[in-house]
Amino acid sequence: MMPTNEFVEVRNGGYYVVGSRIGLDVVFYALRRGYSADKIFESFPSIGSLAKVHGTITFIVEHPVEVEAYLKDQDRIFEEIKAAHPMPADMIERFERAKKEMSGKLA
C-alpha cells in the first residue's frame, strides 16, 4: 500500500487530494499532459487551494513507482468491472462524450 501525506489521503480504496473529491489520478494525468499547478487548480478549483495541488504534485514526484502501480491497478479493476458488467451502448456513448468534455476542460 502506498503511503499518504498531509495532501493525499486514502478513502474508499482510492487516493484523493485531502478534503476533496479529486482523485490522485486526475492530478497525475493533468501533469502528464504538461499542465502547471496553476492550470490544474484553475481546472479543478474544488481541490481547495494551490498549496494542495503543489503538495499532491510533490507526493507524485516522491512516490513514482507506487503511483504508477496504483494507477495500473485502478485500470485493471476498471477493466474487470467493464468485462463483468458490460454497459449499454447509450451509456458508453455518454461516458465517451463526458471524457472528451473533460479533456477539453484541461486543454
PDB file of N, CA and C in Angstrom:
ATOM      1  N   MET A   1       0.838  -1.193   0.000  1.00  0.00           N
ATOM      2  CA  MET A   1       0.000   0.000   0.000  1.00  0.00           C
ATOM      3  C   MET A   1       0.878   1.249   0.000  1.00  0.00           C
ATOM      4  N   MET A   2       0.457   2.218  -0.747  1.00  0.00           N
ATOM      5  CA  MET A   2       1.190   3.463  -0.891  1.00  0.00           C
ATOM      6  C   MET A   2       1.024   4.315   0.372  1.00  0.00           C
ATOM      7  N   PRO A   3       2.051   5.070   0.723  1.00  0.00           N
ATOM      8  CA  PRO A   3       1.909   5.979   1.870  1.00  0.00           C
ATOM      9  C   PRO A   3       0.978   7.139   1.531  1.00  0.00           C
ATOM     10  N   THR A   4       0.700   7.942   2.521  1.00  0.00           N
ATOM     11  CA  THR A   4      -0.063   9.181   2.314  1.00  0.00           C
ATOM     12  C   THR A   4       0.773  10.321   2.879  1.00  0.00           C
ATOM     13  N   ASN A   5       0.273  11.532   2.727  1.00  0.00           N
ATOM     14  CA  ASN A   5       0.891  12.694   3.369  1.00  0.00           C
ATOM     15  C   ASN A   5      -0.215  13.670   3.723  1.00  0.00           C
ATOM     16  N   GLU A   6       0.140  14.873   4.100  1.00  0.00           N
ATOM     17  CA  GLU A   6      -0.887  15.828   4.514  1.00  0.00           C
ATOM     18  C   GLU A   6      -1.765  16.301   3.365  1.00  0.00           C
ATOM     19  N   PHE A   7      -1.399  15.968   2.113  1.00  0.00           N
ATOM     20  CA  PHE A   7      -2.164  16.412   0.954  1.00  0.00           C
ATOM     21  C   PHE A   7      -2.889  15.285   0.225  1.00  0.00           C
ATOM     22  N   VAL A   8      -2.511  14.044   0.496  1.00  0.00           N
ATOM     23  CA  VAL A   8      -3.094  12.888  -0.183  1.00  0.00           C
ATOM     24  C   VAL A   8      -3.589  11.904   0.869  1.00  0.00           C
ATOM     25  N   GLU A   9      -4.852  11.472   0.712  1.00  0.00           N
ATOM     26  CA  GLU A   9      -5.435  10.543   1.664  1.00  0.00           C
ATOM     27  C   GLU A   9      -6.078   9.361   0.943  1.00  0.00           C
ATOM     28  N   VAL A  10      -6.293   8.281   1.683  1.00  0.00           N
ATOM     29  CA  VAL A  10      -6.976   7.101   1.168  1.00  0.00           C
ATOM     30  C   VAL A  10      -8.420   7.153   1.654  1.00  0.00           C
ATOM     31  N   ARG A  11      -9.338   7.001   0.696  1.00  0.00           N
ATOM     32  CA  ARG A  11     -10.773   6.925   1.013  1.00  0.00           C
ATOM     33  C   ARG A  11     -11.404   5.910   0.082  1.00  0.00           C
ATOM     34  N   ASN A  12     -12.201   5.025   0.622  1.00  0.00           N
ATOM     35  CA  ASN A  12     -12.923   4.043  -0.198  1.00  0.00           C
ATOM     36  C   ASN A  12     -11.999   3.287  -1.150  1.00  0.00           C
ATOM     37  N   GLY A  13     -10.791   3.009  -0.696  1.00  0.00           N
ATOM     38  CA  GLY A  13      -9.855   2.248  -1.510  1.00  0.00           C
ATOM     39  C   GLY A  13      -9.145   3.047  -2.585  1.00  0.00           C
ATOM     40  N   GLY A  14      -9.367   4.351  -2.635  1.00  0.00           N
ATOM     41  CA  GLY A  14      -8.724   5.196  -3.646  1.00  0.00           C
ATOM     42  C   GLY A  14      -7.936   6.317  -2.999  1.00  0.00           C
ATOM     43  N   TYR A  15      -7.057   6.921  -3.756  1.00  0.00           N
ATOM     44  CA  TYR A  15      -6.250   8.043  -3.274  1.00  0.00           C
ATOM     45  C   TYR A  15      -6.836   9.346  -3.796  1.00  0.00           C
ATOM     46  N   TYR A  16      -6.981  10.316  -2.874  1.00  0.00           N
ATOM     47  CA  TYR A  16      -7.623  11.594  -3.191  1.00  0.00           C
ATOM     48  C   TYR A  16      -6.826  12.744  -2.603  1.00  0.00           C
ATOM     49  N   VAL A  17      -7.008  13.917  -3.212  1.00  0.00           N
ATOM     50  CA  VAL A  17      -6.487  15.132  -2.611  1.00  0.00           C
ATOM     51  C   VAL A  17      -7.299  15.350  -1.337  1.00  0.00           C
ATOM     52  N   VAL A  18      -6.618  15.567  -0.219  1.00  0.00           N
ATOM     53  CA  VAL A  18      -7.262  15.699   1.088  1.00  0.00           C
ATOM     54  C   VAL A  18      -8.413  16.702   1.028  1.00  0.00           C
ATOM     55  N   GLY A  19      -9.548  16.270   1.574  1.00  0.00           N
ATOM     56  CA  GLY A  19     -10.703  17.156   1.695  1.00  0.00           C
ATOM     57  C   GLY A  19     -11.410  17.467   0.388  1.00  0.00           C
ATOM     58  N   SER A  20     -11.124  16.687  -0.667  1.00  0.00           N
ATOM     59  CA  SER A  20     -11.780  16.939  -1.947  1.00  0.00           C
ATOM     60  C   SER A  20     -12.247  15.625  -2.548  1.00  0.00           C
ATOM     61  N   ARG A  21     -12.965  15.726  -3.640  1.00  0.00           N
ATOM     62  CA  ARG A  21     -13.386  14.544  -4.385  1.00  0.00           C
ATOM     63  C   ARG A  21     -12.489  14.324  -5.596  1.00  0.00           C
ATOM     64  N   ILE A  22     -11.377  15.037  -5.652  1.00  0.00           N
ATOM     65  CA  ILE A  22     -10.448  14.938  -6.778  1.00  0.00           C
ATOM     66  C   ILE A  22      -9.455  13.813  -6.509  1.00  0.00           C
ATOM     67  N   GLY A  23      -9.444  12.830  -7.404  1.00  0.00           N
ATOM     68  CA  GLY A  23      -8.554  11.694  -7.252  1.00  0.00           C
ATOM     69  C   GLY A  23      -7.118  12.039  -7.614  1.00  0.00           C
ATOM     70  N   LEU A  24      -6.211  11.276  -7.041  1.00  0.00           N
ATOM     71  CA  LEU A  24      -4.792  11.418  -7.355  1.00  0.00           C
ATOM     72  C   LEU A  24      -4.565  11.259  -8.851  1.00  0.00           C
ATOM     73  N   ASP A  25      -5.333  10.378  -9.484  1.00  0.00           N
ATOM     74  CA  ASP A  25      -5.187  10.151 -10.915  1.00  0.00           C
ATOM     75  C   ASP A  25      -5.460  11.410 -11.733  1.00  0.00           C
ATOM     76  N   VAL A  26      -6.397  12.231 -11.292  1.00  0.00           N
ATOM     77  CA  VAL A  26      -6.728  13.465 -12.019  1.00  0.00           C
ATOM     78  C   VAL A  26      -5.501  14.381 -12.072  1.00  0.00           C
ATOM     79  N   VAL A  27      -4.854  14.560 -10.940  1.00  0.00           N
ATOM     80  CA  VAL A  27      -3.671  15.423 -10.885  1.00  0.00           C
ATOM     81  C   VAL A  27      -2.534  14.783 -11.683  1.00  0.00           C
ATOM     82  N   PHE A  28      -2.347  13.481 -11.539  1.00  0.00           N
ATOM     83  CA  PHE A  28      -1.293  12.772 -12.257  1.00  0.00           C
ATOM     84  C   PHE A  28      -1.433  12.951 -13.765  1.00  0.00           C
ATOM     85  N   TYR A  29      -2.616  12.686 -14.296  1.00  0.00           N
ATOM     86  CA  TYR A  29      -2.805  12.762 -15.746  1.00  0.00           C
ATOM     87  C   TYR A  29      -2.737  14.194 -16.259  1.00  0.00           C
ATOM     88  N   ALA A  30      -3.158  15.153 -15.451  1.00  0.00           N
ATOM     89  CA  ALA A  30      -3.016  16.561 -15.846  1.00  0.00           C
ATOM     90  C   ALA A  30      -1.534  16.925 -15.941  1.00  0.00           C
ATOM     91  N   LEU A  31      -0.754  16.470 -14.974  1.00  0.00           N
ATOM     92  CA  LEU A  31       0.699  16.703 -15.023  1.00  0.00           C
ATOM     93  C   LEU A  31       1.307  16.063 -16.253  1.00  0.00           C
ATOM     94  N   ARG A  32       0.892  14.851 -16.528  1.00  0.00           N
ATOM     95  CA  ARG A  32       1.419  14.124 -17.693  1.00  0.00           C
ATOM     96  C   ARG A  32       1.115  14.869 -18.991  1.00  0.00           C
ATOM     97  N   ARG A  33      -0.007  15.581 -19.019  1.00  0.00           N
ATOM     98  CA  ARG A  33      -0.358  16.382 -20.196  1.00  0.00           C
ATOM     99  C   ARG A  33       0.417  17.701 -20.251  1.00  0.00           C
ATOM    100  N   GLY A  34       1.200  17.974 -19.208  1.00  0.00           N
ATOM    101  CA  GLY A  34       2.022  19.177 -19.205  1.00  0.00           C
ATOM    102  C   GLY A  34       1.405  20.374 -18.514  1.00  0.00           C
ATOM    103  N   TYR A  35       0.352  20.168 -17.744  1.00  0.00           N
ATOM    104  CA  TYR A  35      -0.303  21.278 -17.070  1.00  0.00           C
ATOM    105  C   TYR A  35       0.476  21.703 -15.832  1.00  0.00           C
ATOM    106  N   SER A  36       0.496  23.004 -15.630  1.00  0.00           N
ATOM    107  CA  SER A  36       1.141  23.562 -14.436  1.00  0.00           C
ATOM    108  C   SER A  36       0.215  23.401 -13.238  1.00  0.00           C
ATOM    109  N   ALA A  37       0.758  23.616 -12.062  1.00  0.00           N
ATOM    110  CA  ALA A  37      -0.069  23.569 -10.845  1.00  0.00           C
ATOM    111  C   ALA A  37      -1.193  24.598 -10.930  1.00  0.00           C
ATOM    112  N   ASP A  38      -0.882  25.782 -11.433  1.00  0.00           N
ATOM    113  CA  ASP A  38      -1.909  26.826 -11.568  1.00  0.00           C
ATOM    114  C   ASP A  38      -3.049  26.368 -12.473  1.00  0.00           C
ATOM    115  N   LYS A  39      -2.693  25.745 -13.600  1.00  0.00           N
ATOM    116  CA  LYS A  39      -3.711  25.285 -14.552  1.00  0.00           C
ATOM    117  C   LYS A  39      -4.551  24.159 -13.938  1.00  0.00           C
ATOM    118  N   ILE A  40      -3.914  23.273 -13.188  1.00  0.00           N
ATOM    119  CA  ILE A  40      -4.661  22.198 -12.534  1.00  0.00           C
ATOM    120  C   ILE A  40      -5.655  22.790 -11.539  1.00  0.00           C
ATOM    121  N   PHE A  41      -5.213  23.743 -10.735  1.00  0.00           N
ATOM    122  CA  PHE A  41      -6.115  24.366  -9.762  1.00  0.00           C
ATOM    123  C   PHE A  41      -7.236  25.126 -10.459  1.00  0.00           C
ATOM    124  N   GLU A  42      -6.903  25.797 -11.539  1.00  0.00           N
ATOM    125  CA  GLU A  42      -7.914  26.524 -12.317  1.00  0.00           C
ATOM    126  C   GLU A  42      -8.957  25.548 -12.873  1.00  0.00           C
ATOM    127  N   SER A  43      -8.505  24.386 -13.330  1.00  0.00           N
ATOM    128  CA  SER A  43      -9.413  23.395 -13.909  1.00  0.00           C
ATOM    129  C   SER A  43     -10.235  22.664 -12.860  1.00  0.00           C
ATOM    130  N   PHE A  44      -9.669  22.505 -11.659  1.00  0.00           N
ATOM    131  CA  PHE A  44     -10.330  21.755 -10.589  1.00  0.00           C
ATOM    132  C   PHE A  44     -10.292  22.542  -9.282  1.00  0.00           C
ATOM    133  N   PRO A  45     -11.012  23.653  -9.208  1.00  0.00           N
ATOM    134  CA  PRO A  45     -10.950  24.502  -8.016  1.00  0.00           C
ATOM    135  C   PRO A  45     -11.455  23.816  -6.748  1.00  0.00           C
ATOM    136  N   SER A  46     -12.224  22.732  -6.897  1.00  0.00           N
ATOM    137  CA  SER A  46     -12.705  22.040  -5.698  1.00  0.00           C
ATOM    138  C   SER A  46     -11.569  21.347  -4.940  1.00  0.00           C
ATOM    139  N   ILE A  47     -10.361  21.331  -5.511  1.00  0.00           N
ATOM    140  CA  ILE A  47      -9.203  20.832  -4.769  1.00  0.00           C
ATOM    141  C   ILE A  47      -9.056  21.653  -3.492  1.00  0.00           C
ATOM    142  N   GLY A  48      -9.365  22.914  -3.561  1.00  0.00           N
ATOM    143  CA  GLY A  48      -9.379  23.742  -2.354  1.00  0.00           C
ATOM    144  C   GLY A  48      -8.316  24.811  -2.291  1.00  0.00           C
ATOM    145  N   SER A  49      -7.111  24.502  -2.745  1.00  0.00           N
ATOM    146  CA  SER A  49      -6.059  25.518  -2.723  1.00  0.00           C
ATOM    147  C   SER A  49      -4.919  25.100  -3.641  1.00  0.00           C
ATOM    148  N   LEU A  50      -4.175  26.089  -4.076  1.00  0.00           N
ATOM    149  CA  LEU A  50      -2.994  25.837  -4.891  1.00  0.00           C
ATOM    150  C   LEU A  50      -1.956  25.063  -4.081  1.00  0.00           C
ATOM    151  N   ALA A  51      -1.902  25.302  -2.776  1.00  0.00           N
ATOM    152  CA  ALA A  51      -0.966  24.575  -1.915  1.00  0.00           C
ATOM    153  C   ALA A  51      -1.254  23.072  -1.947  1.00  0.00           C
ATOM    154  N   LYS A  52      -2.534  22.695  -1.991  1.00  0.00           N
ATOM    155  CA  LYS A  52      -2.878  21.273  -2.074  1.00  0.00           C
ATOM    156  C   LYS A  52      -2.429  20.677  -3.403  1.00  0.00           C
ATOM    157  N   VAL A  53      -2.534  21.456  -4.465  1.00  0.00           N
ATOM    158  CA  VAL A  53      -2.060  20.976  -5.770  1.00  0.00           C
ATOM    159  C   VAL A  53      -0.561  20.728  -5.697  1.00  0.00           C
ATOM    160  N   HIS A  54       0.183  21.689  -5.178  1.00  0.00           N
ATOM    161  CA  HIS A  54       1.633  21.534  -5.061  1.00  0.00           C
ATOM    162  C   HIS A  54       1.985  20.346  -4.158  1.00  0.00           C
ATOM    163  N   GLY A  55       1.277  20.176  -3.062  1.00  0.00           N
ATOM    164  CA  GLY A  55       1.534  19.052  -2.167  1.00  0.00           C
ATOM    165  C   GLY A  55       1.265  17.714  -2.837  1.00  0.00           C
ATOM    166  N   THR A  56       0.216  17.669  -3.641  1.00  0.00           N
ATOM    167  CA  THR A  56      -0.114  16.438  -4.365  1.00  0.00           C
ATOM    168  C   THR A  56       0.940  16.146  -5.429  1.00  0.00           C
ATOM    169  N   ILE A  57       1.392  17.182  -6.112  1.00  0.00           N
ATOM    170  CA  ILE A  57       2.457  17.009  -7.107  1.00  0.00           C
ATOM    171  C   ILE A  57       3.723  16.493  -6.423  1.00  0.00           C
ATOM    172  N   THR A  58       4.059  17.051  -5.285  1.00  0.00           N
ATOM    173  CA  THR A  58       5.230  16.595  -4.534  1.00  0.00           C
ATOM    174  C   THR A  58       5.085  15.125  -4.181  1.00  0.00           C
ATOM    175  N   PHE A  59       3.902  14.728  -3.733  1.00  0.00           N
ATOM    176  CA  PHE A  59       3.639  13.332  -3.407  1.00  0.00           C
ATOM    177  C   PHE A  59       3.880  12.444  -4.622  1.00  0.00           C
ATOM    178  N   ILE A  60       3.365  12.856  -5.778  1.00  0.00           N
ATOM    179  CA  ILE A  60       3.524  12.075  -7.012  1.00  0.00           C
ATOM    180  C   ILE A  60       4.999  11.949  -7.378  1.00  0.00           C
ATOM    181  N   VAL A  61       5.739  13.039  -7.269  1.00  0.00           N
ATOM    182  CA  VAL A  61       7.166  13.036  -7.609  1.00  0.00           C
ATOM    183  C   VAL A  61       7.964  12.168  -6.636  1.00  0.00           C
ATOM    184  N   GLU A  62       7.591  12.188  -5.366  1.00  0.00           N
ATOM    185  CA  GLU A  62       8.323  11.428  -4.346  1.00  0.00           C
ATOM    186  C   GLU A  62       7.999   9.933  -4.357  1.00  0.00           C
ATOM    187  N   HIS A  63       6.888   9.542  -4.988  1.00  0.00           N
ATOM    188  CA  HIS A  63       6.456   8.139  -4.987  1.00  0.00           C
ATOM    189  C   HIS A  63       6.098   7.659  -6.401  1.00  0.00           C
ATOM    190  N   PRO A  64       6.999   7.824  -7.369  1.00  0.00           N
ATOM    191  CA  PRO A  64       6.636   7.493  -8.757  1.00  0.00           C
ATOM    192  C   PRO A  64       6.301   6.018  -8.977  1.00  0.00           C
ATOM    193  N   VAL A  65       7.044   5.129  -8.373  1.00  0.00           N
ATOM    194  CA  VAL A  65       6.801   3.695  -8.569  1.00  0.00           C
ATOM    195  C   VAL A  65       5.454   3.303  -7.975  1.00  0.00           C
ATOM    196  N   GLU A  66       5.180   3.769  -6.763  1.00  0.00           N
ATOM    197  CA  GLU A  66       3.930   3.436  -6.091  1.00  0.00           C
ATOM    198  C   GLU A  66       2.721   4.021  -6.826  1.00  0.00           C
ATOM    199  N   VAL A  67       2.866   5.265  -7.307  1.00  0.00           N
ATOM    200  CA  VAL A  67       1.759   5.910  -8.025  1.00  0.00           C
ATOM    201  C   VAL A  67       1.472   5.159  -9.322  1.00  0.00           C
ATOM    202  N   GLU A  68       2.506   4.813 -10.080  1.00  0.00           N
ATOM    203  CA  GLU A  68       2.314   4.057 -11.328  1.00  0.00           C
ATOM    204  C   GLU A  68       1.632   2.717 -11.040  1.00  0.00           C
ATOM    205  N   ALA A  69       2.075   2.012  -9.996  1.00  0.00           N
ATOM    206  CA  ALA A  69       1.478   0.723  -9.645  1.00  0.00           C
ATOM    207  C   ALA A  69       0.006   0.897  -9.260  1.00  0.00           C
ATOM    208  N   TYR A  70      -0.286   1.931  -8.493  1.00  0.00           N
ATOM    209  CA  TYR A  70      -1.671   2.209  -8.093  1.00  0.00           C
ATOM    210  C   TYR A  70      -2.541   2.469  -9.322  1.00  0.00           C
ATOM    211  N   LEU A  71      -2.063   3.288 -10.247  1.00  0.00           N
ATOM    212  CA  LEU A  71      -2.855   3.621 -11.431  1.00  0.00           C
ATOM    213  C   LEU A  71      -3.057   2.401 -12.331  1.00  0.00           C
ATOM    214  N   LYS A  72      -2.040   1.570 -12.465  1.00  0.00           N
ATOM    215  CA  LYS A  72      -2.189   0.336 -13.247  1.00  0.00           C
ATOM    216  C   LYS A  72      -3.219  -0.577 -12.595  1.00  0.00           C
ATOM    217  N   ASP A  73      -3.194  -0.652 -11.276  1.00  0.00           N
ATOM    218  CA  ASP A  73      -4.162  -1.468 -10.564  1.00  0.00           C
ATOM    219  C   ASP A  73      -5.576  -0.924 -10.754  1.00  0.00           C
ATOM    220  N   GLN A  74      -5.726   0.390 -10.726  1.00  0.00           N
ATOM    221  CA  GLN A  74      -7.038   1.004 -10.942  1.00  0.00           C
ATOM    222  C   GLN A  74      -7.543   0.680 -12.348  1.00  0.00           C
ATOM    223  N   ASP A  75      -6.660   0.735 -13.339  1.00  0.00           N
ATOM    224  CA  ASP A  75      -7.045   0.392 -14.715  1.00  0.00           C
ATOM    225  C   ASP A  75      -7.486  -1.067 -14.801  1.00  0.00           C
ATOM    226  N   ARG A  76      -6.746  -1.951 -14.138  1.00  0.00           N
ATOM    227  CA  ARG A  76      -7.086  -3.375 -14.132  1.00  0.00           C
ATOM    228  C   ARG A  76      -8.465  -3.597 -13.516  1.00  0.00           C
ATOM    229  N   ILE A  77      -8.716  -2.958 -12.390  1.00  0.00           N
ATOM    230  CA  ILE A  77     -10.021  -3.086 -11.718  1.00  0.00           C
ATOM    231  C   ILE A  77     -11.138  -2.587 -12.628  1.00  0.00           C
ATOM    232  N   PHE A  78     -10.908  -1.451 -13.286  1.00  0.00           N
ATOM    233  CA  PHE A  78     -11.914  -0.887 -14.183  1.00  0.00           C
ATOM    234  C   PHE A  78     -12.209  -1.854 -15.333  1.00  0.00           C
ATOM    235  N   GLU A  79     -11.159  -2.453 -15.903  1.00  0.00           N
ATOM    236  CA  GLU A  79     -11.350  -3.405 -16.998  1.00  0.00           C
ATOM    237  C   GLU A  79     -12.117  -4.639 -16.527  1.00  0.00           C
ATOM    238  N   GLU A  80     -11.839  -5.115 -15.322  1.00  0.00           N
ATOM    239  CA  GLU A  80     -12.566  -6.257 -14.771  1.00  0.00           C
ATOM    240  C   GLU A  80     -14.049  -5.926 -14.590  1.00  0.00           C
ATOM    241  N   ILE A  81     -14.322  -4.740 -14.095  1.00  0.00           N
ATOM    242  CA  ILE A  81     -15.708  -4.313 -13.896  1.00  0.00           C
ATOM    243  C   ILE A  81     -16.416  -4.211 -15.244  1.00  0.00           C
ATOM    244  N   LYS A  82     -15.744  -3.610 -16.226  1.00  0.00           N
ATOM    245  CA  LYS A  82     -16.340  -3.491 -17.567  1.00  0.00           C
ATOM    246  C   LYS A  82     -16.641  -4.860 -18.161  1.00  0.00           C
ATOM    247  N   ALA A  83     -15.721  -5.809 -17.987  1.00  0.00           N
ATOM    248  CA  ALA A  83     -15.917  -7.153 -18.540  1.00  0.00           C
ATOM    249  C   ALA A  83     -17.069  -7.873 -17.837  1.00  0.00           C
ATOM    250  N   ALA A  84     -17.176  -7.693 -16.538  1.00  0.00           N
ATOM    251  CA  ALA A  84     -18.215  -8.370 -15.765  1.00  0.00           C
ATOM    252  C   ALA A  84     -19.586  -7.727 -15.935  1.00  0.00           C
ATOM    253  N   HIS A  85     -19.589  -6.430 -16.218  1.00  0.00           N
ATOM    254  CA  HIS A  85     -20.851  -5.681 -16.317  1.00  0.00           C
ATOM    255  C   HIS A  85     -20.823  -4.782 -17.550  1.00  0.00           C
ATOM    256  N   PRO A  86     -21.020  -5.352 -18.727  1.00  0.00           N
ATOM    257  CA  PRO A  86     -20.983  -4.533 -19.951  1.00  0.00           C
ATOM    258  C   PRO A  86     -22.025  -3.411 -19.897  1.00  0.00           C
ATOM    259  N   MET A  87     -21.610  -2.249 -20.355  1.00  0.00           N
ATOM    260  CA  MET A  87     -22.517  -1.097 -20.357  1.00  0.00           C
ATOM    261  C   MET A  87     -23.328  -1.075 -21.654  1.00  0.00           C
ATOM    262  N   PRO A  88     -24.559  -0.618 -21.559  1.00  0.00           N
ATOM    263  CA  PRO A  88     -25.358  -0.435 -22.778  1.00  0.00           C
ATOM    264  C   PRO A  88     -24.689   0.608 -23.681  1.00  0.00           C
ATOM    265  N   ALA A  89     -24.917   0.496 -24.964  1.00  0.00           N
ATOM    266  CA  ALA A  89     -24.287   1.379 -25.952  1.00  0.00           C
ATOM    267  C   ALA A  89     -24.522   2.857 -25.643  1.00  0.00           C
ATOM    268  N   ASP A  90     -25.735   3.230 -25.229  1.00  0.00           N
ATOM    269  CA  ASP A  90     -26.012   4.641 -24.955  1.00  0.00           C
ATOM    270  C   ASP A  90     -25.205   5.143 -23.755  1.00  0.00           C
ATOM    271  N   MET A  91     -24.978   4.280 -22.781  1.00  0.00           N
ATOM    272  CA  MET A  91     -24.187   4.676 -21.622  1.00  0.00           C
ATOM    273  C   MET A  91     -22.714   4.856 -22.018  1.00  0.00           C
ATOM    274  N   ILE A  92     -22.209   3.968 -22.855  1.00  0.00           N
ATOM    275  CA  ILE A  92     -20.830   4.092 -23.342  1.00  0.00           C
ATOM    276  C   ILE A  92     -20.670   5.405 -24.098  1.00  0.00           C
ATOM    277  N   GLU A  93     -21.646   5.729 -24.918  1.00  0.00           N
ATOM    278  CA  GLU A  93     -21.604   6.979 -25.685  1.00  0.00           C
ATOM    279  C   GLU A  93     -21.573   8.187 -24.750  1.00  0.00           C
ATOM    280  N   ARG A  94     -22.399   8.187 -23.712  1.00  0.00           N
ATOM    281  CA  ARG A  94     -22.401   9.299 -22.745  1.00  0.00           C
ATOM    282  C   ARG A  94     -21.068   9.385 -22.013  1.00  0.00           C
ATOM    283  N   PHE A  95     -20.516   8.247 -21.643  1.00  0.00           N
ATOM    284  CA  PHE A  95     -19.232   8.202 -20.956  1.00  0.00           C
ATOM    285  C   PHE A  95     -18.130   8.773 -21.850  1.00  0.00           C
ATOM    286  N   GLU A  96     -18.101   8.356 -23.098  1.00  0.00           N
ATOM    287  CA  GLU A  96     -17.075   8.847 -24.037  1.00  0.00           C
ATOM    288  C   GLU A  96     -17.219  10.357 -24.264  1.00  0.00           C
ATOM    289  N   ARG A  97     -18.449  10.826 -24.356  1.00  0.00           N
ATOM    290  CA  ARG A  97     -18.688  12.258 -24.529  1.00  0.00           C
ATOM    291  C   ARG A  97     -18.195  13.036 -23.312  1.00  0.00           C
ATOM    292  N   ALA A  98     -18.480  12.536 -22.115  1.00  0.00           N
ATOM    293  CA  ALA A  98     -18.035  13.196 -20.884  1.00  0.00           C
ATOM    294  C   ALA A  98     -16.510  13.209 -20.815  1.00  0.00           C
ATOM    295  N   LYS A  99     -15.883  12.119 -21.240  1.00  0.00           N
ATOM    296  CA  LYS A  99     -14.425  12.031 -21.246  1.00  0.00           C
ATOM    297  C   LYS A  99     -13.826  13.083 -22.188  1.00  0.00           C
ATOM    298  N   LYS A 100     -14.446  13.250 -23.358  1.00  0.00           N
ATOM    299  CA  LYS A 100     -13.975  14.261 -24.319  1.00  0.00           C
ATOM    300  C   LYS A 100     -14.156  15.661 -23.750  1.00  0.00           C
ATOM    301  N   GLU A 101     -15.289  15.890 -23.092  1.00  0.00           N
ATOM    302  CA  GLU A 101     -15.531  17.212 -22.497  1.00  0.00           C
ATOM    303  C   GLU A 101     -14.521  17.499 -21.404  1.00  0.00           C
ATOM    304  N   MET A 102     -14.178  16.490 -20.599  1.00  0.00           N
ATOM    305  CA  MET A 102     -13.187  16.664 -19.522  1.00  0.00           C
ATOM    306  C   MET A 102     -11.827  16.961 -20.140  1.00  0.00           C
ATOM    307  N   SER A 103     -11.483  16.290 -21.225  1.00  0.00           N
ATOM    308  CA  SER A 103     -10.212  16.555 -21.893  1.00  0.00           C
ATOM    309  C   SER A 103     -10.178  17.989 -22.409  1.00  0.00           C
ATOM    310  N   GLY A 104     -11.311  18.447 -22.915  1.00  0.00           N
ATOM    311  CA  GLY A 104     -11.389  19.827 -23.385  1.00  0.00           C
ATOM    312  C   GLY A 104     -11.231  20.823 -22.257  1.00  0.00           C
ATOM    313  N   LYS A 105     -11.736  20.466 -21.072  1.00  0.00           N
ATOM    314  CA  LYS A 105     -11.627  21.338 -19.900  1.00  0.00           C
ATOM    315  C   LYS A 105     -10.170  21.532 -19.519  1.00  0.00           C
ATOM    316  N   LEU A 106      -9.367  20.495 -19.727  1.00  0.00           N
ATOM    317  CA  LEU A 106      -7.952  20.573 -19.391  1.00  0.00           C
ATOM    318  C   LEU A 106      -7.124  21.168 -20.519  1.00  0.00           C
ATOM    319  N   ALA A 107      -7.717  21.397 -21.653  1.00  0.00           N
ATOM    320  CA  ALA A 107      -6.960  21.905 -22.802  1.00  0.00           C
ATOM    321  C   ALA A 107      -6.631  23.376 -22.672  1.00  0.00           C
TER     322      ALA A 107
END
